[in-house]
N, C-alpha and C. Protein backbone atom coordinates (compact mmCIF):
# COMPACT_ATOMS: atom_id res chain seq x y z
N MET A 1 29.05 37.29 132.90
CA MET A 1 29.62 36.33 133.85
C MET A 1 30.77 35.57 133.18
N ALA A 2 31.86 35.44 133.90
CA ALA A 2 33.03 34.75 133.35
C ALA A 2 32.72 33.27 133.18
N SER A 3 33.22 32.70 132.12
CA SER A 3 33.01 31.28 131.88
C SER A 3 33.92 30.46 132.78
N LYS A 4 33.59 29.17 132.90
CA LYS A 4 34.42 28.27 133.70
C LYS A 4 35.82 28.19 133.14
N LYS A 5 35.92 28.21 131.81
CA LYS A 5 37.24 28.15 131.17
C LYS A 5 38.08 29.36 131.53
N ASP A 6 37.42 30.54 131.58
CA ASP A 6 38.15 31.76 131.89
C ASP A 6 38.68 31.75 133.32
N SER A 7 37.96 31.08 134.24
CA SER A 7 38.35 31.08 135.65
C SER A 7 39.29 29.93 136.01
N SER A 8 39.57 29.06 135.06
CA SER A 8 40.44 27.92 135.34
C SER A 8 41.88 28.41 135.51
N PRO A 9 42.65 27.76 136.38
CA PRO A 9 44.05 28.17 136.56
C PRO A 9 44.86 27.93 135.30
N LEU A 10 45.84 28.76 135.08
CA LEU A 10 46.68 28.64 133.89
C LEU A 10 47.42 27.31 133.89
N ARG A 11 47.61 26.75 132.71
CA ARG A 11 48.37 25.52 132.53
C ARG A 11 49.25 25.65 131.30
N GLY A 12 50.20 24.73 131.18
CA GLY A 12 51.01 24.59 129.98
C GLY A 12 51.83 25.80 129.60
N ALA A 13 51.85 26.10 128.30
CA ALA A 13 52.68 27.18 127.78
C ALA A 13 52.29 28.53 128.37
N LYS A 14 50.98 28.77 128.57
CA LYS A 14 50.55 30.05 129.11
C LYS A 14 51.10 30.28 130.52
N LEU A 15 51.04 29.24 131.35
CA LEU A 15 51.57 29.35 132.70
C LEU A 15 53.07 29.58 132.69
N VAL A 16 53.78 28.84 131.84
CA VAL A 16 55.23 28.96 131.79
C VAL A 16 55.66 30.32 131.26
N LYS A 17 54.97 30.82 130.24
CA LYS A 17 55.33 32.13 129.70
C LYS A 17 55.17 33.22 130.75
N LYS A 18 54.11 33.12 131.55
CA LYS A 18 53.93 34.09 132.62
C LYS A 18 55.03 33.96 133.67
N ALA A 19 55.40 32.73 134.00
CA ALA A 19 56.46 32.51 134.98
C ALA A 19 57.82 32.97 134.45
N LEU A 20 58.05 32.76 133.17
CA LEU A 20 59.31 33.21 132.55
C LEU A 20 59.43 34.73 132.61
N ALA A 21 58.32 35.43 132.41
CA ALA A 21 58.34 36.89 132.51
C ALA A 21 58.70 37.32 133.93
N THR A 22 58.14 36.63 134.91
CA THR A 22 58.46 36.91 136.31
C THR A 22 59.93 36.66 136.60
N ALA A 23 60.45 35.54 136.07
CA ALA A 23 61.85 35.18 136.31
C ALA A 23 62.80 36.16 135.65
N THR A 24 62.42 36.69 134.52
CA THR A 24 63.25 37.68 133.84
C THR A 24 63.31 38.97 134.63
N GLU A 25 62.15 39.39 135.15
CA GLU A 25 62.09 40.62 135.94
C GLU A 25 62.88 40.49 137.24
N SER A 26 62.84 39.30 137.85
CA SER A 26 63.51 39.10 139.14
C SER A 26 65.01 38.83 139.00
N GLY A 27 65.45 38.54 137.78
CA GLY A 27 66.87 38.26 137.56
C GLY A 27 67.23 36.79 137.60
N ILE A 28 66.24 35.92 137.83
CA ILE A 28 66.53 34.49 137.82
C ILE A 28 67.05 34.06 136.45
N LEU A 29 66.48 34.64 135.42
CA LEU A 29 66.97 34.40 134.05
C LEU A 29 67.73 35.63 133.57
N ALA A 30 68.92 35.81 134.10
CA ALA A 30 69.71 36.99 133.78
C ALA A 30 70.28 36.94 132.38
N SER A 31 70.67 35.72 131.94
CA SER A 31 71.28 35.57 130.61
C SER A 31 70.68 34.34 129.93
N PRO A 32 69.45 34.44 129.47
CA PRO A 32 68.78 33.29 128.86
C PRO A 32 69.46 32.81 127.58
N GLU A 33 69.38 31.50 127.36
CA GLU A 33 69.97 30.88 126.16
C GLU A 33 68.85 30.17 125.39
N PRO A 34 68.20 30.88 124.46
CA PRO A 34 67.04 30.31 123.77
C PRO A 34 67.41 29.24 122.75
N MET A 35 66.45 28.37 122.46
CA MET A 35 66.57 27.36 121.43
C MET A 35 65.83 27.85 120.19
N SER A 36 66.32 27.48 119.03
CA SER A 36 65.63 27.87 117.81
C SER A 36 64.27 27.20 117.73
N ALA A 37 63.32 27.86 117.09
CA ALA A 37 61.97 27.31 116.97
C ALA A 37 61.97 26.00 116.20
N SER A 38 62.84 25.89 115.20
CA SER A 38 62.88 24.68 114.39
C SER A 38 63.36 23.48 115.20
N LEU A 39 64.34 23.71 116.08
CA LEU A 39 64.85 22.62 116.92
C LEU A 39 63.83 22.25 117.99
N ALA A 40 63.21 23.25 118.60
CA ALA A 40 62.21 22.99 119.63
C ALA A 40 61.04 22.19 119.07
N LYS A 41 60.70 22.44 117.82
CA LYS A 41 59.57 21.76 117.19
C LYS A 41 59.83 20.27 117.02
N LYS A 42 61.09 19.90 116.75
CA LYS A 42 61.39 18.49 116.51
C LYS A 42 61.93 17.76 117.74
N MET A 43 62.17 18.48 118.83
CA MET A 43 62.76 17.88 120.03
C MET A 43 61.84 16.82 120.63
N VAL A 44 62.42 15.66 120.97
CA VAL A 44 61.64 14.57 121.55
C VAL A 44 62.23 14.13 122.89
N LEU A 45 61.39 13.53 123.70
CA LEU A 45 61.78 12.98 124.99
C LEU A 45 62.39 11.59 124.79
N PRO A 46 62.99 11.01 125.84
CA PRO A 46 63.56 9.66 125.72
C PRO A 46 62.55 8.59 125.31
N ASN A 47 61.26 8.82 125.57
CA ASN A 47 60.24 7.84 125.19
C ASN A 47 59.77 8.01 123.75
N GLY A 48 60.39 8.95 123.02
CA GLY A 48 60.05 9.16 121.62
C GLY A 48 58.92 10.14 121.39
N GLU A 49 58.30 10.61 122.46
CA GLU A 49 57.20 11.57 122.34
C GLU A 49 57.74 13.00 122.25
N SER A 50 56.98 13.87 121.61
CA SER A 50 57.36 15.28 121.53
C SER A 50 57.41 15.90 122.92
N ILE A 51 58.23 16.91 123.08
CA ILE A 51 58.28 17.60 124.37
C ILE A 51 56.94 18.28 124.63
N SER A 52 56.64 18.49 125.89
CA SER A 52 55.35 19.05 126.28
C SER A 52 55.28 20.53 125.91
N PRO A 53 54.08 21.10 125.89
CA PRO A 53 53.93 22.53 125.61
C PRO A 53 54.74 23.40 126.56
N ALA A 54 54.79 23.02 127.83
CA ALA A 54 55.51 23.81 128.81
C ALA A 54 57.02 23.76 128.58
N LEU A 55 57.54 22.58 128.28
CA LEU A 55 58.97 22.46 128.05
C LEU A 55 59.37 23.19 126.77
N LYS A 56 58.52 23.13 125.77
CA LYS A 56 58.80 23.85 124.53
C LYS A 56 58.83 25.36 124.79
N ALA A 57 57.88 25.86 125.58
CA ALA A 57 57.84 27.28 125.91
C ALA A 57 59.10 27.71 126.66
N LEU A 58 59.59 26.84 127.54
CA LEU A 58 60.83 27.13 128.26
C LEU A 58 62.01 27.18 127.31
N PHE A 59 62.15 26.16 126.47
CA PHE A 59 63.29 26.08 125.57
C PHE A 59 63.35 27.26 124.60
N LEU A 60 62.21 27.76 124.18
CA LEU A 60 62.20 28.89 123.25
C LEU A 60 62.74 30.16 123.89
N VAL A 61 62.76 30.18 125.23
CA VAL A 61 63.30 31.33 125.96
C VAL A 61 64.66 31.02 126.57
N ASP A 62 64.80 29.81 127.14
CA ASP A 62 66.05 29.48 127.82
C ASP A 62 66.24 27.96 127.90
N THR A 63 67.45 27.50 127.64
CA THR A 63 67.76 26.07 127.71
C THR A 63 68.69 25.74 128.87
N ALA A 64 69.10 26.75 129.63
CA ALA A 64 70.12 26.52 130.66
C ALA A 64 69.58 26.39 132.07
N PHE A 65 68.43 26.98 132.37
CA PHE A 65 67.96 27.11 133.75
C PHE A 65 67.86 25.78 134.49
N ILE A 66 67.23 24.77 133.88
CA ILE A 66 67.08 23.50 134.59
C ILE A 66 68.11 22.46 134.18
N GLY A 67 69.02 22.82 133.29
CA GLY A 67 70.17 21.97 133.02
C GLY A 67 69.85 20.63 132.38
N ILE A 68 68.96 20.60 131.40
CA ILE A 68 68.64 19.37 130.68
C ILE A 68 69.66 19.14 129.57
N ASP A 69 70.17 17.91 129.48
CA ASP A 69 71.10 17.56 128.41
C ASP A 69 70.32 17.10 127.18
N PHE A 70 70.69 17.64 126.02
CA PHE A 70 70.02 17.23 124.79
C PHE A 70 71.00 17.26 123.61
N ASP A 71 70.67 16.50 122.58
CA ASP A 71 71.45 16.45 121.36
C ASP A 71 70.81 17.40 120.36
N ASP A 72 71.49 18.51 120.06
CA ASP A 72 70.87 19.49 119.18
C ASP A 72 70.94 19.11 117.71
N GLU A 73 71.68 18.06 117.37
CA GLU A 73 71.70 17.59 115.99
C GLU A 73 70.58 16.59 115.75
N GLU A 74 70.37 15.68 116.69
CA GLU A 74 69.33 14.67 116.56
C GLU A 74 67.97 15.16 117.09
N GLY A 75 68.00 16.23 117.88
CA GLY A 75 66.75 16.72 118.45
C GLY A 75 66.20 15.79 119.51
N GLU A 76 67.10 15.23 120.33
CA GLU A 76 66.68 14.27 121.34
C GLU A 76 67.18 14.70 122.72
N ILE A 77 66.32 14.55 123.70
CA ILE A 77 66.70 14.82 125.09
C ILE A 77 67.27 13.55 125.70
N GLU A 78 68.34 13.70 126.42
CA GLU A 78 69.03 12.53 127.01
C GLU A 78 68.24 11.96 128.17
N GLY A 79 68.05 10.65 128.15
CA GLY A 79 67.37 9.97 129.24
C GLY A 79 68.34 9.17 130.10
N MET A 80 67.91 8.84 131.29
CA MET A 80 68.72 8.02 132.18
C MET A 80 67.77 7.31 133.15
N SER A 81 68.33 6.45 133.97
CA SER A 81 67.50 5.74 134.95
C SER A 81 67.37 6.56 136.22
N LEU A 82 66.32 6.29 136.97
CA LEU A 82 66.13 6.95 138.25
C LEU A 82 67.29 6.64 139.19
N GLU A 83 67.81 5.44 139.10
CA GLU A 83 68.94 5.05 139.94
C GLU A 83 70.15 5.95 139.70
N ASP A 84 70.40 6.28 138.43
CA ASP A 84 71.52 7.16 138.11
C ASP A 84 71.30 8.57 138.66
N VAL A 85 70.06 9.02 138.62
CA VAL A 85 69.74 10.34 139.16
C VAL A 85 70.02 10.38 140.66
N VAL A 86 69.62 9.33 141.37
CA VAL A 86 69.87 9.26 142.80
C VAL A 86 71.36 9.30 143.10
N GLU A 87 72.13 8.52 142.34
CA GLU A 87 73.57 8.49 142.59
C GLU A 87 74.22 9.84 142.32
N GLU A 88 73.79 10.51 141.25
CA GLU A 88 74.37 11.82 140.95
C GLU A 88 74.00 12.86 142.01
N ALA A 89 72.79 12.74 142.56
CA ALA A 89 72.32 13.73 143.52
C ALA A 89 72.89 13.52 144.92
N PHE A 90 72.99 12.26 145.35
CA PHE A 90 73.32 11.98 146.74
C PHE A 90 74.54 11.10 146.96
N GLY A 91 75.07 10.52 145.89
CA GLY A 91 76.21 9.64 146.04
C GLY A 91 75.82 8.18 146.06
N GLU A 92 76.79 7.33 145.85
CA GLU A 92 76.54 5.89 145.75
C GLU A 92 75.93 5.29 147.02
N GLU A 93 76.24 5.87 148.18
CA GLU A 93 75.74 5.31 149.44
C GLU A 93 74.22 5.43 149.57
N ALA A 94 73.60 6.31 148.79
CA ALA A 94 72.15 6.49 148.88
C ALA A 94 71.38 5.62 147.90
N VAL A 95 72.05 5.00 146.95
CA VAL A 95 71.37 4.30 145.87
C VAL A 95 70.44 3.20 146.37
N ALA A 96 70.91 2.35 147.25
CA ALA A 96 70.10 1.22 147.72
C ALA A 96 68.86 1.67 148.48
N ALA A 97 68.90 2.84 149.12
CA ALA A 97 67.79 3.31 149.94
C ALA A 97 66.53 3.58 149.12
N PHE A 98 66.69 3.81 147.82
CA PHE A 98 65.54 4.12 146.96
C PHE A 98 65.09 2.90 146.16
N GLY A 99 65.48 1.70 146.60
CA GLY A 99 65.26 0.49 145.82
C GLY A 99 63.85 0.28 145.32
N GLU A 100 62.86 0.46 146.17
CA GLU A 100 61.46 0.25 145.76
C GLU A 100 61.06 1.19 144.63
N ALA A 101 61.59 2.40 144.65
CA ALA A 101 61.22 3.40 143.64
C ALA A 101 61.67 2.98 142.24
N TYR A 102 62.83 2.30 142.14
CA TYR A 102 63.31 1.89 140.82
C TYR A 102 62.38 0.86 140.19
N GLU A 103 61.81 -0.01 141.00
CA GLU A 103 60.89 -1.02 140.49
C GLU A 103 59.56 -0.40 140.07
N MET A 104 59.06 0.52 140.86
CA MET A 104 57.77 1.14 140.57
C MET A 104 57.85 2.14 139.43
N LEU A 105 58.94 2.91 139.40
CA LEU A 105 59.09 4.00 138.43
C LEU A 105 60.24 3.64 137.49
N SER A 106 59.96 2.71 136.59
CA SER A 106 61.02 2.11 135.78
C SER A 106 61.23 2.76 134.41
N GLU A 107 60.40 3.73 134.05
CA GLU A 107 60.59 4.41 132.76
C GLU A 107 61.79 5.36 132.84
N ASP A 108 62.27 5.78 131.67
CA ASP A 108 63.37 6.75 131.63
C ASP A 108 62.97 8.05 132.30
N VAL A 109 63.96 8.71 132.84
CA VAL A 109 63.75 10.04 133.40
C VAL A 109 64.71 11.01 132.72
N VAL A 110 64.39 12.29 132.84
CA VAL A 110 65.25 13.36 132.35
C VAL A 110 65.78 14.12 133.55
N ALA A 111 67.08 14.08 133.73
CA ALA A 111 67.69 14.72 134.90
C ALA A 111 67.69 16.23 134.75
N PHE A 112 67.45 16.92 135.86
CA PHE A 112 67.57 18.38 135.91
C PHE A 112 68.88 18.72 136.62
N GLY A 113 69.71 19.51 135.99
CA GLY A 113 71.00 19.82 136.57
C GLY A 113 71.14 21.25 137.05
N GLY A 114 70.04 22.00 137.06
CA GLY A 114 70.12 23.39 137.46
C GLY A 114 70.16 23.57 138.97
N ASP A 115 70.23 24.84 139.37
CA ASP A 115 70.25 25.18 140.80
C ASP A 115 68.80 25.25 141.28
N LEU A 116 68.27 24.11 141.71
CA LEU A 116 66.86 23.99 142.02
C LEU A 116 66.62 23.87 143.53
N SER A 117 65.36 23.93 143.93
CA SER A 117 65.04 23.89 145.36
C SER A 117 65.38 22.54 145.97
N ARG A 118 65.28 21.47 145.18
CA ARG A 118 65.70 20.13 145.63
C ARG A 118 65.93 19.28 144.38
N PRO A 119 66.72 18.21 144.47
CA PRO A 119 66.96 17.34 143.32
C PRO A 119 65.64 16.86 142.71
N ALA A 120 65.55 16.87 141.38
CA ALA A 120 64.32 16.51 140.71
C ALA A 120 64.61 16.03 139.30
N CYS A 121 63.64 15.33 138.72
CA CYS A 121 63.77 14.84 137.35
C CYS A 121 62.38 14.69 136.74
N LEU A 122 62.33 14.70 135.42
CA LEU A 122 61.08 14.50 134.70
C LEU A 122 60.88 13.01 134.46
N TYR A 123 59.73 12.49 134.82
CA TYR A 123 59.44 11.07 134.65
C TYR A 123 58.67 10.87 133.35
N CYS A 124 59.27 10.14 132.41
CA CYS A 124 58.68 9.95 131.08
C CYS A 124 57.75 8.74 131.06
N GLY A 125 56.75 8.80 131.89
CA GLY A 125 55.76 7.73 131.98
C GLY A 125 54.48 8.12 131.27
N THR A 126 53.44 8.45 132.06
CA THR A 126 52.14 8.84 131.52
C THR A 126 51.92 10.32 131.77
N ALA A 127 51.63 11.06 130.70
CA ALA A 127 51.36 12.49 130.82
C ALA A 127 49.93 12.72 131.27
N ASP A 128 49.64 13.94 131.73
CA ASP A 128 48.27 14.28 132.11
C ASP A 128 47.49 14.75 130.88
N ASP A 129 46.27 15.20 131.10
CA ASP A 129 45.40 15.59 129.99
C ASP A 129 45.92 16.83 129.25
N ASP A 130 46.82 17.58 129.88
CA ASP A 130 47.41 18.75 129.24
C ASP A 130 48.74 18.43 128.58
N GLY A 131 49.11 17.15 128.56
CA GLY A 131 50.34 16.74 127.90
C GLY A 131 51.59 16.94 128.73
N GLU A 132 51.42 17.19 130.04
CA GLU A 132 52.57 17.42 130.91
C GLU A 132 52.90 16.17 131.72
N TYR A 133 54.19 15.85 131.79
CA TYR A 133 54.66 14.70 132.54
C TYR A 133 54.95 15.09 133.99
N PRO A 134 54.95 14.10 134.89
CA PRO A 134 55.21 14.41 136.30
C PRO A 134 56.69 14.64 136.59
N VAL A 135 56.93 15.50 137.55
CA VAL A 135 58.28 15.72 138.06
C VAL A 135 58.42 14.96 139.37
N LEU A 136 59.47 14.16 139.46
CA LEU A 136 59.79 13.46 140.70
C LEU A 136 60.81 14.28 141.47
N GLN A 137 60.53 14.53 142.75
CA GLN A 137 61.45 15.24 143.62
C GLN A 137 62.01 14.26 144.65
N LEU A 138 63.26 14.44 145.00
CA LEU A 138 63.94 13.48 145.86
C LEU A 138 64.56 14.15 147.08
N SER A 139 64.58 13.41 148.17
CA SER A 139 65.20 13.89 149.39
C SER A 139 65.98 12.75 150.04
N TRP A 140 67.13 13.07 150.60
CA TRP A 140 67.96 12.09 151.32
C TRP A 140 68.57 12.82 152.51
N GLU A 141 67.95 12.64 153.67
CA GLU A 141 68.38 13.36 154.86
C GLU A 141 68.56 12.39 156.03
N ASN A 142 69.74 12.40 156.62
CA ASN A 142 70.04 11.54 157.77
C ASN A 142 69.74 10.08 157.49
N GLY A 143 70.05 9.65 156.27
CA GLY A 143 69.86 8.26 155.90
C GLY A 143 68.44 7.88 155.55
N VAL A 144 67.54 8.86 155.47
CA VAL A 144 66.13 8.60 155.17
C VAL A 144 65.82 9.09 153.75
N ALA A 145 65.30 8.18 152.93
CA ALA A 145 64.96 8.51 151.54
C ALA A 145 63.50 8.88 151.42
N SER A 146 63.21 9.84 150.54
CA SER A 146 61.84 10.22 150.24
C SER A 146 61.78 10.62 148.77
N ILE A 147 60.70 10.25 148.10
CA ILE A 147 60.57 10.54 146.67
C ILE A 147 59.10 10.72 146.31
N GLY A 148 58.86 11.48 145.27
CA GLY A 148 57.50 11.65 144.80
C GLY A 148 57.24 13.06 144.34
N GLY A 149 56.06 13.54 144.66
CA GLY A 149 55.65 14.86 144.21
C GLY A 149 54.63 14.74 143.08
N PHE A 150 55.08 14.15 141.96
CA PHE A 150 54.24 13.95 140.79
C PHE A 150 53.56 15.26 140.35
N VAL A 151 54.25 16.37 140.57
CA VAL A 151 53.73 17.66 140.14
C VAL A 151 53.89 17.79 138.63
N PRO A 152 52.84 18.16 137.90
CA PRO A 152 53.00 18.34 136.46
C PRO A 152 54.13 19.32 136.16
N PHE A 153 54.88 19.06 135.10
CA PHE A 153 56.07 19.85 134.81
C PHE A 153 55.80 21.34 134.74
N ASP A 154 54.71 21.74 134.10
CA ASP A 154 54.45 23.17 133.95
C ASP A 154 54.27 23.86 135.30
N ILE A 155 53.60 23.20 136.23
CA ILE A 155 53.38 23.79 137.55
C ILE A 155 54.67 23.80 138.35
N TRP A 156 55.40 22.68 138.32
CA TRP A 156 56.69 22.62 139.02
C TRP A 156 57.63 23.70 138.51
N LEU A 157 57.71 23.86 137.18
CA LEU A 157 58.61 24.86 136.61
C LEU A 157 58.20 26.27 137.02
N ALA A 158 56.91 26.55 136.99
CA ALA A 158 56.44 27.87 137.40
C ALA A 158 56.81 28.16 138.85
N GLN A 159 56.78 27.13 139.69
CA GLN A 159 57.21 27.31 141.08
C GLN A 159 58.69 27.63 141.16
N GLU A 160 59.50 26.92 140.39
CA GLU A 160 60.94 27.15 140.42
C GLU A 160 61.31 28.53 139.87
N LEU A 161 60.54 29.00 138.91
CA LEU A 161 60.82 30.30 138.29
C LEU A 161 60.26 31.48 139.09
N GLY A 162 59.47 31.18 140.11
CA GLY A 162 58.90 32.24 140.92
C GLY A 162 57.54 32.72 140.47
N GLY A 163 56.95 32.04 139.49
CA GLY A 163 55.64 32.42 139.01
C GLY A 163 54.51 31.89 139.87
N LEU A 164 54.78 30.83 140.63
CA LEU A 164 53.86 30.27 141.61
C LEU A 164 54.62 30.06 142.91
N GLU A 165 53.89 30.05 144.00
CA GLU A 165 54.52 29.85 145.31
C GLU A 165 55.13 28.45 145.39
N LYS A 166 56.37 28.38 145.87
CA LYS A 166 57.04 27.10 146.05
C LYS A 166 56.47 26.37 147.26
N GLY A 167 56.41 25.05 147.14
CA GLY A 167 55.96 24.27 148.27
C GLY A 167 57.09 24.04 149.27
N LYS A 168 56.73 23.94 150.54
CA LYS A 168 57.74 23.69 151.57
C LYS A 168 58.17 22.22 151.57
N SER A 169 57.26 21.34 151.14
CA SER A 169 57.55 19.91 151.12
C SER A 169 57.38 19.37 149.71
N ILE A 170 57.90 18.17 149.48
CA ILE A 170 57.76 17.52 148.18
C ILE A 170 56.27 17.38 147.84
N GLY A 171 55.92 17.80 146.62
CA GLY A 171 54.55 17.65 146.15
C GLY A 171 53.62 18.79 146.48
N ASP A 172 54.07 19.77 147.26
CA ASP A 172 53.21 20.90 147.60
C ASP A 172 52.98 21.79 146.38
N VAL A 173 51.73 22.12 146.13
CA VAL A 173 51.37 23.02 145.03
C VAL A 173 50.29 23.98 145.53
N PRO A 174 50.09 25.11 144.84
CA PRO A 174 48.99 26.00 145.22
C PRO A 174 47.65 25.28 145.19
N ALA A 175 46.71 25.75 145.99
CA ALA A 175 45.44 25.07 146.19
C ALA A 175 44.68 24.79 144.89
N GLU A 176 44.78 25.71 143.92
CA GLU A 176 44.03 25.53 142.68
C GLU A 176 44.54 24.37 141.83
N TYR A 177 45.73 23.86 142.17
CA TYR A 177 46.31 22.73 141.44
C TYR A 177 46.38 21.46 142.29
N ALA A 178 45.73 21.47 143.44
CA ALA A 178 45.94 20.43 144.44
C ALA A 178 45.60 19.02 143.97
N ALA A 179 44.65 18.87 143.06
CA ALA A 179 44.23 17.53 142.64
C ALA A 179 45.16 16.89 141.63
N LEU A 180 46.02 17.68 141.01
CA LEU A 180 46.81 17.17 139.88
C LEU A 180 47.92 16.20 140.26
N PRO A 181 48.70 16.45 141.31
CA PRO A 181 49.73 15.47 141.68
C PRO A 181 49.18 14.08 141.98
N LYS A 182 48.04 14.01 142.67
CA LYS A 182 47.45 12.71 142.99
C LYS A 182 47.05 11.97 141.72
N ALA A 183 46.51 12.69 140.75
CA ALA A 183 46.10 12.06 139.50
C ALA A 183 47.30 11.45 138.78
N LEU A 184 48.43 12.16 138.78
CA LEU A 184 49.63 11.63 138.14
C LEU A 184 50.28 10.53 138.96
N ALA A 185 50.13 10.58 140.29
CA ALA A 185 50.63 9.49 141.13
C ALA A 185 49.83 8.22 140.87
N ASP A 186 48.54 8.37 140.59
CA ASP A 186 47.71 7.21 140.27
C ASP A 186 48.09 6.60 138.93
N SER A 187 48.33 7.44 137.93
CA SER A 187 48.58 6.94 136.58
C SER A 187 50.02 6.48 136.36
N ASN A 188 50.94 6.91 137.22
CA ASN A 188 52.35 6.54 137.04
C ASN A 188 52.91 5.65 138.14
N GLY A 189 52.29 5.66 139.31
CA GLY A 189 52.79 4.88 140.43
C GLY A 189 51.67 4.08 141.08
N ASP A 190 51.69 4.04 142.41
CA ASP A 190 50.66 3.28 143.13
C ASP A 190 49.71 4.19 143.89
N GLY A 191 49.71 5.46 143.53
CA GLY A 191 48.79 6.41 144.16
C GLY A 191 49.40 7.23 145.28
N ARG A 192 50.53 6.82 145.80
CA ARG A 192 51.18 7.61 146.85
C ARG A 192 51.88 8.81 146.21
N VAL A 193 51.51 10.00 146.64
CA VAL A 193 52.11 11.21 146.07
C VAL A 193 53.56 11.35 146.52
N VAL A 194 53.81 11.04 147.79
CA VAL A 194 55.17 11.06 148.35
C VAL A 194 55.32 9.81 149.20
N PHE A 195 56.45 9.15 149.09
CA PHE A 195 56.66 7.96 149.92
C PHE A 195 58.12 7.74 150.24
N GLY A 196 58.33 7.03 151.34
CA GLY A 196 59.67 6.59 151.70
C GLY A 196 59.87 5.20 151.14
N PRO A 197 60.62 5.04 150.09
CA PRO A 197 60.75 3.73 149.45
C PRO A 197 61.45 2.71 150.33
N LYS A 198 61.04 1.47 150.18
CA LYS A 198 61.73 0.39 150.87
C LYS A 198 63.10 0.22 150.25
N ALA A 199 64.10 0.02 151.07
CA ALA A 199 65.46 -0.15 150.57
C ALA A 199 65.57 -1.46 149.80
N GLY A 200 66.48 -1.47 148.84
CA GLY A 200 66.70 -2.68 148.06
C GLY A 200 68.16 -2.78 147.68
N GLU A 201 68.49 -3.84 146.99
CA GLU A 201 69.86 -4.03 146.54
C GLU A 201 70.17 -3.06 145.40
N ALA A 202 71.31 -2.41 145.45
CA ALA A 202 71.76 -1.56 144.36
C ALA A 202 72.35 -2.44 143.27
N SER A 203 71.93 -2.23 142.05
CA SER A 203 72.36 -3.10 140.95
C SER A 203 73.87 -3.09 140.76
N LYS A 204 74.49 -1.93 141.00
CA LYS A 204 75.94 -1.85 140.83
C LYS A 204 76.65 -2.67 141.90
N ASP A 205 76.07 -2.71 143.09
CA ASP A 205 76.65 -3.53 144.15
C ASP A 205 76.53 -5.00 143.80
N ASP A 206 75.39 -5.36 143.19
CA ASP A 206 75.20 -6.75 142.77
C ASP A 206 76.27 -7.16 141.78
N ASP A 207 76.56 -6.28 140.83
CA ASP A 207 77.57 -6.58 139.81
C ASP A 207 78.92 -6.79 140.46
N GLU A 208 79.24 -5.96 141.46
CA GLU A 208 80.53 -6.07 142.13
C GLU A 208 80.62 -7.37 142.89
N ASP A 209 79.50 -7.78 143.54
CA ASP A 209 79.51 -9.04 144.29
C ASP A 209 79.73 -10.22 143.35
N GLU A 210 79.07 -10.19 142.17
CA GLU A 210 79.23 -11.28 141.21
C GLU A 210 80.67 -11.36 140.73
N ASN A 211 81.29 -10.18 140.53
CA ASN A 211 82.68 -10.16 140.07
C ASN A 211 83.60 -10.72 141.15
N ASP A 212 83.30 -10.39 142.43
CA ASP A 212 84.13 -10.90 143.52
C ASP A 212 84.05 -12.42 143.60
N GLU A 213 82.81 -12.95 143.41
CA GLU A 213 82.64 -14.40 143.49
C GLU A 213 83.36 -15.10 142.35
N SER A 214 83.34 -14.50 141.17
CA SER A 214 83.99 -15.13 140.03
C SER A 214 85.51 -15.12 140.15
N ASP A 215 86.01 -14.11 140.92
CA ASP A 215 87.46 -14.03 141.09
C ASP A 215 87.97 -14.97 142.16
N ALA A 216 87.03 -15.42 143.02
CA ALA A 216 87.45 -16.28 144.16
C ALA A 216 87.93 -17.64 143.65
């Protein structure tokens, strides 16, 4: 009889390696750009923690697919604010619409610049028991903002690479992984896996208003 461990769904490096093989066969990774093992070993996230097993497995095969910026001399991945990610993805007019999210999700994020199913970033808050951080996915349609997902990076990446079925909506994962996004939403946010954030003042607009008042 198979053990419980044997029947558990793949996670981490094992899941990503399988997805990478699928992506290579399908042509998604037509010209991979691998990272050296020595650099991958010392690479750290903006919070100072080592990269996760899944991200390391990806980097050892390809560094270009999801478009993460990193310093190969210092071994550091570039971090930014969620507000900057929103502006890069949707433009300055969308920034204020995600106001509540900036207050709730205030840790650094790692922007993904690849050709992905929807704008997304890695949230460097609290990792799960497998050492994987949540991926935040964003939507801005007809003036309506939506954010969340909290899908562990390894599962999200496998979906993007074609190793797992992609979800139609933010936060959708295969049934065997269904409990994981909620757990990360609890540990990193207020428990909502996906939410429409309350609009708030954009900090850059505030700065401009202060400058206008001082010039008056």
